[in-house]
Protein backbone atom coordinates (compact mmCIF):
# COMPACT_ATOMS: atom_id res chain seq x y z
CA UNK A 1 96.70 80.53 85.48
CA UNK A 2 95.45 81.98 88.94
CA UNK A 3 91.73 82.51 89.84
CA UNK A 4 90.76 86.22 89.68
CA UNK A 5 88.42 87.57 92.33
CA UNK A 6 86.89 90.93 91.24
CA UNK A 7 86.01 91.94 94.77
CA UNK A 8 89.12 91.29 96.97
CA UNK A 9 88.77 91.33 100.74
CA UNK A 10 89.11 94.85 102.20
CA UNK A 11 92.62 95.60 103.55
CA UNK A 12 92.23 96.49 107.28
CA UNK A 13 95.72 97.49 107.67
CA UNK A 14 95.12 100.44 105.07
CA UNK A 15 94.72 103.82 106.70
CA UNK A 16 91.46 105.61 106.06
CA UNK A 17 93.20 109.04 105.65
CA UNK A 18 96.34 109.94 103.70
CA UNK A 19 99.39 110.35 105.89
CA UNK A 20 99.83 113.91 106.99
CA UNK A 21 96.31 115.05 106.46
CA UNK A 22 95.54 117.30 109.54
CA UNK A 23 92.60 116.85 111.90
CA UNK A 24 90.84 120.24 110.47
CA UNK A 25 90.97 118.70 106.88
CA UNK A 26 89.47 115.34 108.01
CA UNK A 27 86.52 117.01 109.86
CA UNK A 28 85.92 119.45 106.78
CA UNK A 29 86.01 116.48 104.31
CA UNK A 30 83.64 114.48 106.60
CA UNK A 31 81.20 117.30 106.98
CA UNK A 32 81.08 117.81 103.21
CA UNK A 33 80.17 114.23 102.96
CA UNK A 34 77.24 114.04 105.19
CA UNK A 35 73.64 114.57 103.80
CA UNK A 36 71.65 115.23 107.25
CA UNK A 37 72.28 116.54 110.77
CA UNK A 38 74.99 114.33 112.33
CA UNK A 39 76.32 114.11 115.86
CA UNK A 40 79.51 115.74 116.43
CA UNK A 41 80.54 112.37 117.98
CA UNK A 42 79.85 110.44 114.83
CA UNK A 43 81.88 112.98 112.79
CA UNK A 44 84.70 112.64 115.12
CA UNK A 45 84.60 108.78 114.70
CA UNK A 46 84.66 109.31 110.94
CA UNK A 47 87.40 111.86 111.08
CA UNK A 48 89.59 109.93 113.33
CA UNK A 49 89.68 112.35 116.09
CA UNK A 50 88.32 112.94 119.58
CA UNK A 51 84.98 114.29 120.00
CA UNK A 52 86.20 117.51 121.70
CA UNK A 53 88.46 118.28 118.62
CA UNK A 54 85.72 117.53 116.22
CA UNK A 55 83.39 120.01 118.03
CA UNK A 56 86.20 122.46 118.04
CA UNK A 57 86.67 122.38 114.34
CA UNK A 58 82.96 122.22 113.54
CA UNK A 59 82.39 125.45 115.67
CA UNK A 60 85.16 126.99 113.79
CA UNK A 61 83.47 125.85 110.24
CA UNK A 62 80.15 127.14 111.63
CA UNK A 63 81.61 130.49 112.26
CA UNK A 64 83.06 130.49 108.63
CA UNK A 65 79.43 129.84 107.24
CA UNK A 66 80.39 126.34 105.90
CA UNK A 67 78.55 124.58 108.50
CA UNK A 68 75.27 124.83 110.32
CA UNK A 69 75.12 123.90 114.07
CA UNK A 70 72.09 122.52 115.87
CA UNK A 71 73.29 122.94 119.43
CA UNK A 72 69.56 122.40 120.88
CA UNK A 73 69.98 118.77 120.06
CA UNK A 74 71.90 116.37 122.56
CA UNK A 75 74.48 115.73 121.45
CA UNK A 76 74.85 118.69 119.23
CA UNK A 77 74.42 117.96 115.41
CA UNK A 78 76.07 119.74 112.40
CA UNK A 79 75.40 119.58 108.81
CA UNK A 80 77.02 121.41 105.69
CA UNK A 81 75.73 124.59 104.67
CA UNK A 82 74.33 123.96 101.06
CA UNK A 83 74.01 127.69 100.54
CA UNK A 84 77.83 128.11 101.12
CA UNK A 85 78.71 125.40 98.66
CA UNK A 86 76.35 126.91 96.00
CA UNK A 87 78.04 130.23 96.59
CA UNK A 88 81.53 128.65 96.14
CA UNK A 89 80.44 126.99 93.01
CA UNK A 90 79.11 130.22 91.49
CA UNK A 91 82.24 132.08 92.53
CA UNK A 92 84.32 129.29 90.82
CA UNK A 93 81.96 129.79 87.61
CA UNK A 94 82.47 133.65 87.88
CA UNK A 95 86.25 133.34 87.96
CA UNK A 96 86.61 130.81 85.19
CA UNK A 97 84.21 132.04 82.63
CA UNK A 98 83.47 135.73 81.13
CA UNK A 99 80.35 137.47 81.58
CA UNK A 100 79.46 136.74 77.96
CA UNK A 101 80.01 132.94 78.38
CA UNK A 102 77.81 132.85 81.62
CA UNK A 103 75.07 134.43 79.75
CA UNK A 104 75.52 132.27 76.88
CA UNK A 105 75.37 129.04 79.11
CA UNK A 106 72.30 130.33 80.88
CA UNK A 107 70.57 130.83 77.44
CA UNK A 108 71.74 127.56 76.37
CA UNK A 109 70.38 126.03 79.54
CA UNK A 110 67.08 127.66 79.32
CA UNK A 111 66.85 126.55 75.61
CA UNK A 112 67.38 122.92 76.61
CA UNK A 113 64.80 123.21 79.44
CA UNK A 114 62.17 124.39 77.13
CA UNK A 115 62.77 121.72 74.78
CA UNK A 116 62.12 119.01 77.39
């Protein structure tokens, strides 16, 4: 019988990103994962791309309202726009549920809050 190690050594040959993922998608995934303003150079490193490419995609995401840019800092920092994500969640709920179902869930949530 062989000994089982529950925490195997990390495989350094394994790529961080799925094959075929484009740079824009990687930058998008990274910015959604950061929780505070982050330098575009750090985002580039996490997204496995050049700093100039990361900045280009982050500026595009800023124009789309997904990201907030802090260009006065050096280097410029970026963070996800929580309001955009909340809107996206609300939009998903609105498309998945009827008005009656939404009203019922809000009422149920209020009752649960009052019981606590």
